[in-house]
Amino acid sequence: MKIIKILCLSLFLYLIFLSKPALAFCGFYVAKADAYFKKAIDVHPGRPTAGLYYRAGISKFKLGNKSQAIKYLKEAGLSSGPYSTLSAFQLGRLYIQNNETADALASYIIALSSDNKEIREESIYQSTKLNIDLEQYAEAINYGIDYLKNFPSGKWVDEIQSLQAQCFLKTSDYSNAIN
């Protein structure tokens, strides 16, 4: 019964956090929810759920505790459900902030299988950019082609076209670079 109360309170505080961004910005609700998530994880019998790990990871992310956020999001990502792709997406963002390009790319590749169109769109976009950062220009071109095919009116169409042109130049494919 105690675990249910803790989970309900932490979920309640998390929902308040999502609905009141101005208040959440000051950190009060995030810090409160974070404390309850930690407590729920500590007292949870057996392995906590992916959802609990995901929410705890997001609260750690919002509080700036990146290493703990990565730990919790990795745990959430071990599931095969929707938290797998959500966690991978958030991990991609964290890894970019930490300049861990290869890990960010691996996370965004996992996030590509999301049912959420916005997550898929940003994941393809980020995969394109990260492949360029890793000097994997052929892969970047392939992700750019996928982006333009799947999101012809997407928010990063112009940037993807520009990135592709740069990749064509880097691979000495001048005829495609001009087009």
Foldseek 3Di string as FASTA:
>chain_A
DVLVVLVVVLVVLLVVCVVDVVVCLVPPSLVVSLVSLVVSCVPPPDHDALVSLQSNLVSCVSVVVLVSSLVSLVSSLVDPDQSVLVSLLVVLVSCVVVVVLVSNLVSLVSNCPHPDPVSVLVSLVSNLVSCVVVVVLVVSLVSLVVNCVVCVPDPCVVVSLQSNLVSCVVVVVNVSNVD
